[in-house]
Amino acid sequence: METLEVHVDKDDMALLECPYCRASRFVNVARFRNREDPVKARCICRKAFRVAFEWRGARRKDTYVEGYYSKLPARKEWNRMLVKDISTTGIGFTTLTTHSLRKGDKVKVKFAKDDRRHSEVEKTAIVRRLVKNNYVGCEFGDPA
């Protein structure tokens, strides 16, 4: 069963759309705020599907750029990463080697954005999520 990723707005409302019949409705999902695993939903067409909620403040843009990260405090060692998604409030990347990152760790990330100017970005972030396949989800300490 495929899992749908759904963005939750600041009022804890999410738009659920059935992958089978495309029926949709807004649902208050506040009761699932502390759950990290997907929940099972059932549509009016009687089909069931899984939903994973994204509680981020801003939507993330999918991307694919190479960069580097370093675990803080002030380590000189930089490790390679692939930036998978980015927003004004956070970043998601995949490490290219095994890592020792844990939730709550501070990291410094640096990469060139995939815009016309290839703007250089170097920011401090806090690890918020570790997922299979070396994926690391971080929240920027300074979203500016």
N, C-alpha and C. Protein backbone atom coordinates (compact mmCIF):
# COMPACT_ATOMS: atom_id res chain seq x y z
N MET A 1 0.84 -1.18 0.00
CA MET A 1 0.00 0.00 0.00
C MET A 1 0.89 1.24 0.00
N GLU A 2 0.66 2.12 -0.93
CA GLU A 2 1.45 3.34 -1.07
C GLU A 2 1.07 4.34 0.03
N THR A 3 2.06 5.12 0.49
CA THR A 3 1.82 6.12 1.51
C THR A 3 1.84 7.50 0.88
N LEU A 4 0.79 8.27 1.11
CA LEU A 4 0.70 9.64 0.61
C LEU A 4 1.29 10.59 1.63
N GLU A 5 2.08 11.57 1.18
CA GLU A 5 2.59 12.60 2.08
C GLU A 5 1.72 13.82 1.94
N VAL A 6 1.20 14.31 3.06
CA VAL A 6 0.25 15.41 3.06
C VAL A 6 0.76 16.52 3.96
N HIS A 7 0.77 17.75 3.44
CA HIS A 7 1.20 18.92 4.21
C HIS A 7 0.08 19.36 5.16
N VAL A 8 0.45 19.68 6.40
CA VAL A 8 -0.51 20.15 7.40
C VAL A 8 -0.29 21.64 7.59
N ASP A 9 -1.36 22.43 7.53
CA ASP A 9 -1.21 23.88 7.68
C ASP A 9 -1.12 24.27 9.15
N LYS A 10 -0.98 25.55 9.41
CA LYS A 10 -0.77 26.04 10.78
C LYS A 10 -1.97 25.80 11.69
N ASP A 11 -3.15 25.55 11.11
CA ASP A 11 -4.35 25.27 11.90
C ASP A 11 -4.61 23.77 12.05
N ASP A 12 -3.61 22.95 11.76
CA ASP A 12 -3.69 21.49 11.84
C ASP A 12 -4.70 20.88 10.86
N MET A 13 -4.92 21.56 9.75
CA MET A 13 -5.82 21.05 8.72
C MET A 13 -5.00 20.48 7.56
N ALA A 14 -5.46 19.35 7.03
CA ALA A 14 -4.78 18.69 5.91
C ALA A 14 -5.81 18.34 4.84
N LEU A 15 -5.41 18.47 3.59
CA LEU A 15 -6.29 18.09 2.49
C LEU A 15 -5.95 16.66 2.09
N LEU A 16 -6.89 15.76 2.35
CA LEU A 16 -6.70 14.35 1.99
C LEU A 16 -7.40 14.09 0.66
N GLU A 17 -6.67 13.48 -0.27
CA GLU A 17 -7.24 13.14 -1.57
C GLU A 17 -7.05 11.64 -1.79
N CYS A 18 -8.15 10.96 -2.03
CA CYS A 18 -8.11 9.52 -2.24
C CYS A 18 -7.35 9.21 -3.53
N PRO A 19 -6.35 8.32 -3.47
CA PRO A 19 -5.59 7.98 -4.68
C PRO A 19 -6.39 7.11 -5.66
N TYR A 20 -7.53 6.61 -5.23
CA TYR A 20 -8.33 5.73 -6.08
C TYR A 20 -9.43 6.49 -6.84
N CYS A 21 -10.23 7.28 -6.11
CA CYS A 21 -11.36 7.96 -6.75
C CYS A 21 -11.18 9.48 -6.83
N ARG A 22 -10.11 10.00 -6.22
CA ARG A 22 -9.77 11.42 -6.22
C ARG A 22 -10.73 12.30 -5.40
N ALA A 23 -11.60 11.70 -4.60
CA ALA A 23 -12.44 12.48 -3.69
C ALA A 23 -11.51 13.13 -2.67
N SER A 24 -11.82 14.36 -2.28
CA SER A 24 -10.95 15.05 -1.33
C SER A 24 -11.77 15.78 -0.28
N ARG A 25 -11.12 16.00 0.88
CA ARG A 25 -11.76 16.77 1.94
C ARG A 25 -10.70 17.25 2.92
N PHE A 26 -11.01 18.37 3.59
CA PHE A 26 -10.13 18.89 4.62
C PHE A 26 -10.45 18.19 5.94
N VAL A 27 -9.39 17.80 6.66
CA VAL A 27 -9.55 17.07 7.91
C VAL A 27 -8.65 17.71 8.97
N ASN A 28 -9.17 17.87 10.18
CA ASN A 28 -8.35 18.34 11.29
C ASN A 28 -7.55 17.13 11.80
N VAL A 29 -6.22 17.24 11.77
CA VAL A 29 -5.35 16.11 12.13
C VAL A 29 -4.52 16.39 13.38
N ALA A 30 -5.00 17.30 14.23
CA ALA A 30 -4.26 17.67 15.45
C ALA A 30 -3.96 16.46 16.32
N ARG A 31 -4.86 15.48 16.35
CA ARG A 31 -4.66 14.31 17.22
C ARG A 31 -3.48 13.44 16.79
N PHE A 32 -2.98 13.65 15.57
CA PHE A 32 -1.86 12.85 15.07
C PHE A 32 -0.52 13.59 15.16
N ARG A 33 -0.50 14.74 15.80
CA ARG A 33 0.71 15.59 15.82
C ARG A 33 1.94 14.86 16.34
N ASN A 34 1.82 14.05 17.34
CA ASN A 34 2.99 13.37 17.93
C ASN A 34 3.29 12.02 17.31
N ARG A 35 2.60 11.67 16.27
CA ARG A 35 2.82 10.39 15.59
C ARG A 35 3.77 10.56 14.42
N GLU A 36 4.76 9.70 14.34
CA GLU A 36 5.70 9.78 13.22
C GLU A 36 5.40 8.76 12.14
N ASP A 37 4.69 7.70 12.50
CA ASP A 37 4.38 6.67 11.51
C ASP A 37 3.10 7.04 10.76
N PRO A 38 2.92 6.53 9.55
CA PRO A 38 1.72 6.85 8.77
C PRO A 38 0.45 6.32 9.44
N VAL A 39 -0.67 6.97 9.14
CA VAL A 39 -1.97 6.53 9.65
C VAL A 39 -2.78 5.97 8.49
N LYS A 40 -3.72 5.10 8.82
CA LYS A 40 -4.56 4.50 7.79
C LYS A 40 -5.82 5.35 7.65
N ALA A 41 -6.19 5.67 6.41
CA ALA A 41 -7.39 6.45 6.13
C ALA A 41 -8.30 5.63 5.24
N ARG A 42 -9.60 5.89 5.34
CA ARG A 42 -10.57 5.19 4.50
C ARG A 42 -11.44 6.25 3.83
N CYS A 43 -11.60 6.11 2.53
CA CYS A 43 -12.36 7.05 1.71
C CYS A 43 -13.84 6.67 1.68
N ILE A 44 -14.67 7.58 1.18
CA ILE A 44 -16.09 7.27 1.03
C ILE A 44 -16.31 6.18 -0.03
N CYS A 45 -15.30 5.97 -0.90
CA CYS A 45 -15.39 4.88 -1.89
C CYS A 45 -15.03 3.53 -1.27
N ARG A 46 -14.73 3.52 0.05
CA ARG A 46 -14.45 2.33 0.85
C ARG A 46 -13.03 1.80 0.68
N LYS A 47 -12.18 2.46 -0.10
CA LYS A 47 -10.79 2.05 -0.26
C LYS A 47 -9.96 2.63 0.89
N ALA A 48 -8.95 1.89 1.32
CA ALA A 48 -8.06 2.34 2.40
C ALA A 48 -6.71 2.71 1.81
N PHE A 49 -6.05 3.69 2.46
CA PHE A 49 -4.71 4.11 2.06
C PHE A 49 -4.01 4.70 3.27
N ARG A 50 -2.68 4.77 3.21
CA ARG A 50 -1.89 5.32 4.32
C ARG A 50 -1.53 6.77 4.03
N VAL A 51 -1.46 7.56 5.11
CA VAL A 51 -1.14 8.98 5.00
C VAL A 51 -0.05 9.32 6.01
N ALA A 52 1.01 9.99 5.54
CA ALA A 52 2.05 10.51 6.42
C ALA A 52 1.91 12.03 6.42
N PHE A 53 1.86 12.63 7.59
CA PHE A 53 1.65 14.07 7.68
C PHE A 53 2.96 14.82 7.79
N GLU A 54 3.09 15.91 7.04
CA GLU A 54 4.25 16.80 7.10
C GLU A 54 3.86 18.01 7.93
N TRP A 55 4.49 18.16 9.09
CA TRP A 55 4.15 19.22 10.02
C TRP A 55 5.05 20.43 9.86
N ARG A 56 5.70 20.57 8.74
CA ARG A 56 6.64 21.67 8.53
C ARG A 56 5.90 22.99 8.40
N GLY A 57 6.62 24.07 8.71
CA GLY A 57 6.04 25.40 8.57
C GLY A 57 5.97 25.84 7.12
N ALA A 58 6.83 25.29 6.27
CA ALA A 58 6.86 25.67 4.86
C ALA A 58 7.03 24.42 4.00
N ARG A 59 6.48 24.47 2.82
CA ARG A 59 6.63 23.34 1.90
C ARG A 59 8.09 23.25 1.44
N ARG A 60 8.53 22.04 1.20
CA ARG A 60 9.89 21.83 0.72
C ARG A 60 9.91 21.64 -0.79
N LYS A 61 10.93 22.20 -1.42
CA LYS A 61 11.12 22.07 -2.86
C LYS A 61 12.06 20.89 -3.09
N ASP A 62 11.66 19.97 -3.95
CA ASP A 62 12.54 18.86 -4.30
C ASP A 62 13.71 19.38 -5.11
N THR A 63 14.88 18.86 -4.83
CA THR A 63 16.09 19.26 -5.54
C THR A 63 17.06 18.10 -5.54
N TYR A 64 18.18 18.27 -6.19
CA TYR A 64 19.20 17.22 -6.22
C TYR A 64 20.54 17.91 -6.46
N VAL A 65 21.17 18.37 -5.39
CA VAL A 65 22.46 19.02 -5.50
C VAL A 65 23.42 18.41 -4.48
N GLU A 66 24.68 18.42 -4.85
CA GLU A 66 25.70 17.91 -3.94
C GLU A 66 26.10 18.99 -2.96
N GLY A 67 26.53 18.57 -1.79
CA GLY A 67 26.97 19.51 -0.77
C GLY A 67 27.77 18.79 0.30
N TYR A 68 27.97 19.49 1.41
CA TYR A 68 28.76 18.95 2.51
C TYR A 68 28.08 19.28 3.83
N TYR A 69 28.30 18.42 4.82
CA TYR A 69 27.81 18.69 6.17
C TYR A 69 28.92 18.35 7.15
N SER A 70 28.86 19.01 8.30
CA SER A 70 29.82 18.75 9.36
C SER A 70 29.08 18.79 10.69
N LYS A 71 29.32 17.79 11.52
CA LYS A 71 28.69 17.76 12.83
C LYS A 71 29.37 18.79 13.72
N LEU A 72 28.59 19.57 14.44
CA LEU A 72 29.13 20.58 15.35
C LEU A 72 29.19 20.00 16.75
N PRO A 73 30.03 20.49 17.61
CA PRO A 73 30.71 21.77 17.59
C PRO A 73 32.01 21.74 16.79
N ALA A 74 32.10 22.71 15.95
CA ALA A 74 33.28 23.08 15.15
C ALA A 74 34.20 21.95 14.73
N ARG A 75 33.64 20.94 14.12
CA ARG A 75 34.49 19.89 13.55
C ARG A 75 35.05 20.37 12.23
N LYS A 76 36.23 20.00 11.94
CA LYS A 76 36.86 20.41 10.67
C LYS A 76 36.55 19.42 9.55
N GLU A 77 36.02 18.26 9.89
CA GLU A 77 35.77 17.22 8.91
C GLU A 77 34.43 17.46 8.19
N TRP A 78 34.49 17.55 6.86
CA TRP A 78 33.29 17.72 6.06
C TRP A 78 32.97 16.40 5.37
N ASN A 79 31.70 16.03 5.38
CA ASN A 79 31.23 14.80 4.75
C ASN A 79 30.32 15.14 3.59
N ARG A 80 30.35 14.33 2.56
CA ARG A 80 29.53 14.59 1.37
C ARG A 80 28.08 14.22 1.60
N MET A 81 27.19 14.99 0.95
CA MET A 81 25.76 14.72 1.03
C MET A 81 25.09 15.09 -0.29
N LEU A 82 23.88 14.60 -0.48
CA LEU A 82 23.04 15.00 -1.60
C LEU A 82 21.80 15.66 -1.01
N VAL A 83 21.59 16.93 -1.34
CA VAL A 83 20.43 17.66 -0.85
C VAL A 83 19.22 17.19 -1.67
N LYS A 84 18.21 16.67 -0.99
CA LYS A 84 17.03 16.12 -1.65
C LYS A 84 15.87 17.11 -1.68
N ASP A 85 15.74 17.90 -0.59
CA ASP A 85 14.67 18.90 -0.54
C ASP A 85 15.08 20.04 0.39
N ILE A 86 14.50 21.22 0.13
CA ILE A 86 14.86 22.40 0.90
C ILE A 86 13.68 23.35 0.98
N SER A 87 13.58 24.08 2.09
CA SER A 87 12.57 25.12 2.25
C SER A 87 13.22 26.27 3.01
N THR A 88 12.43 27.27 3.32
CA THR A 88 12.98 28.40 4.09
C THR A 88 13.27 28.00 5.52
N THR A 89 12.68 26.90 5.99
CA THR A 89 12.86 26.51 7.39
C THR A 89 13.68 25.25 7.60
N GLY A 90 14.03 24.54 6.53
CA GLY A 90 14.77 23.30 6.74
C GLY A 90 15.31 22.68 5.48
N ILE A 91 15.98 21.55 5.67
CA ILE A 91 16.64 20.84 4.58
C ILE A 91 16.56 19.34 4.83
N GLY A 92 16.49 18.58 3.76
CA GLY A 92 16.56 17.13 3.85
C GLY A 92 17.68 16.67 2.94
N PHE A 93 18.55 15.82 3.45
CA PHE A 93 19.66 15.34 2.63
C PHE A 93 19.96 13.88 2.92
N THR A 94 20.67 13.27 1.99
CA THR A 94 21.11 11.89 2.15
C THR A 94 22.62 11.91 2.28
N THR A 95 23.13 11.23 3.30
CA THR A 95 24.58 11.14 3.47
C THR A 95 25.10 10.08 2.52
N LEU A 96 26.32 10.28 2.04
CA LEU A 96 26.90 9.32 1.09
C LEU A 96 27.74 8.25 1.79
N THR A 97 27.92 8.41 3.08
CA THR A 97 28.62 7.41 3.89
C THR A 97 27.82 7.20 5.17
N THR A 98 28.21 6.22 5.96
CA THR A 98 27.54 6.04 7.25
C THR A 98 27.84 7.26 8.12
N HIS A 99 26.93 7.55 9.02
CA HIS A 99 27.09 8.75 9.85
C HIS A 99 26.77 8.43 11.30
N SER A 100 27.12 9.35 12.18
CA SER A 100 26.84 9.17 13.61
C SER A 100 25.86 10.23 14.11
N LEU A 101 25.05 10.79 13.21
CA LEU A 101 24.11 11.84 13.59
C LEU A 101 22.95 11.27 14.40
N ARG A 102 22.46 12.09 15.35
CA ARG A 102 21.31 11.73 16.17
C ARG A 102 20.35 12.92 16.21
N LYS A 103 19.10 12.66 16.56
CA LYS A 103 18.14 13.74 16.71
C LYS A 103 18.67 14.74 17.73
N GLY A 104 18.57 16.03 17.39
CA GLY A 104 19.04 17.08 18.28
C GLY A 104 20.46 17.54 18.01
N ASP A 105 21.23 16.80 17.22
CA ASP A 105 22.60 17.21 16.88
C ASP A 105 22.56 18.47 16.03
N LYS A 106 23.58 19.31 16.20
CA LYS A 106 23.74 20.48 15.34
C LYS A 106 24.71 20.14 14.23
N VAL A 107 24.40 20.60 13.02
CA VAL A 107 25.28 20.39 11.88
C VAL A 107 25.41 21.70 11.12
N LYS A 108 26.50 21.81 10.41
CA LYS A 108 26.68 22.91 9.47
C LYS A 108 26.57 22.28 8.09
N VAL A 109 25.76 22.89 7.22
CA VAL A 109 25.60 22.39 5.86
C VAL A 109 26.06 23.46 4.89
N LYS A 110 26.65 23.04 3.79
CA LYS A 110 27.01 23.99 2.74
C LYS A 110 26.83 23.33 1.38
N PHE A 111 26.27 24.12 0.46
CA PHE A 111 25.97 23.62 -0.88
C PHE A 111 25.65 24.82 -1.77
N ALA A 112 25.60 24.58 -3.06
CA ALA A 112 25.22 25.60 -4.02
C ALA A 112 23.80 25.31 -4.47
N LYS A 113 22.91 26.30 -4.37
CA LYS A 113 21.52 26.12 -4.78
C LYS A 113 21.45 25.87 -6.28
N ASP A 114 20.35 25.30 -6.72
CA ASP A 114 20.18 25.02 -8.15
C ASP A 114 19.46 26.16 -8.88
N ASP A 115 19.73 27.40 -8.46
CA ASP A 115 19.17 28.55 -9.16
C ASP A 115 20.14 29.02 -10.25
N ARG A 116 19.78 30.08 -10.95
CA ARG A 116 20.64 30.56 -12.06
C ARG A 116 22.03 30.96 -11.60
N ARG A 117 22.13 31.55 -10.43
CA ARG A 117 23.43 32.03 -9.94
C ARG A 117 24.20 30.99 -9.15
N HIS A 118 23.59 29.83 -8.90
CA HIS A 118 24.21 28.78 -8.06
C HIS A 118 24.69 29.37 -6.74
N SER A 119 23.79 30.08 -6.08
CA SER A 119 24.09 30.76 -4.82
C SER A 119 24.64 29.79 -3.78
N GLU A 120 25.70 30.20 -3.13
CA GLU A 120 26.31 29.39 -2.07
C GLU A 120 25.49 29.55 -0.78
N VAL A 121 25.23 28.44 -0.12
CA VAL A 121 24.51 28.45 1.14
C VAL A 121 25.36 27.75 2.18
N GLU A 122 25.51 28.38 3.33
CA GLU A 122 26.19 27.75 4.47
C GLU A 122 25.39 28.11 5.71
N LYS A 123 24.76 27.10 6.31
CA LYS A 123 23.85 27.33 7.42
C LYS A 123 24.04 26.30 8.52
N THR A 124 23.61 26.68 9.72
CA THR A 124 23.58 25.76 10.84
C THR A 124 22.18 25.19 10.92
N ALA A 125 22.08 23.90 11.20
CA ALA A 125 20.77 23.24 11.27
C ALA A 125 20.77 22.25 12.43
N ILE A 126 19.57 21.89 12.85
CA ILE A 126 19.40 20.92 13.92
C ILE A 126 18.73 19.68 13.34
N VAL A 127 19.30 18.50 13.61
CA VAL A 127 18.74 17.26 13.10
C VAL A 127 17.41 16.99 13.80
N ARG A 128 16.35 16.85 13.03
CA ARG A 128 15.02 16.59 13.58
C ARG A 128 14.51 15.20 13.26
N ARG A 129 15.03 14.60 12.17
CA ARG A 129 14.51 13.31 11.74
C ARG A 129 15.59 12.49 11.05
N LEU A 130 15.68 11.22 11.40
CA LEU A 130 16.58 10.29 10.74
C LEU A 130 15.72 9.17 10.16
N VAL A 131 15.88 8.91 8.88
CA VAL A 131 15.06 7.94 8.18
C VAL A 131 15.97 6.92 7.53
N LYS A 132 15.37 5.82 7.09
CA LYS A 132 16.14 4.78 6.40
C LYS A 132 16.92 5.37 5.23
N ASN A 133 17.88 4.63 4.76
CA ASN A 133 18.70 4.99 3.60
C ASN A 133 19.49 6.28 3.80
N ASN A 134 19.93 6.53 5.04
CA ASN A 134 20.79 7.67 5.37
C ASN A 134 20.15 9.03 5.13
N TYR A 135 18.82 9.13 5.12
CA TYR A 135 18.15 10.42 4.94
C TYR A 135 18.12 11.15 6.28
N VAL A 136 18.47 12.44 6.27
CA VAL A 136 18.51 13.26 7.46
C VAL A 136 17.63 14.49 7.22
N GLY A 137 16.68 14.74 8.10
CA GLY A 137 15.82 15.92 8.01
C GLY A 137 16.24 16.93 9.07
N CYS A 138 16.48 18.17 8.66
CA CYS A 138 16.97 19.19 9.59
C CYS A 138 16.12 20.44 9.52
N GLU A 139 16.15 21.17 10.64
CA GLU A 139 15.50 22.47 10.73
C GLU A 139 16.60 23.51 10.88
N PHE A 140 16.52 24.58 10.09
CA PHE A 140 17.53 25.63 10.18
C PHE A 140 17.39 26.36 11.51
N GLY A 141 18.56 26.68 12.11
CA GLY A 141 18.57 27.47 13.33
C GLY A 141 18.18 28.90 13.04
N ASP A 142 18.56 29.41 11.86
CA ASP A 142 18.26 30.77 11.41
C ASP A 142 17.65 30.68 10.02
N PRO A 143 16.31 30.79 9.89
CA PRO A 143 15.68 30.59 8.60
C PRO A 143 15.86 31.72 7.59
N ALA A 144 16.54 32.78 7.96
CA ALA A 144 16.68 33.91 7.03
C ALA A 144 17.42 33.54 5.77
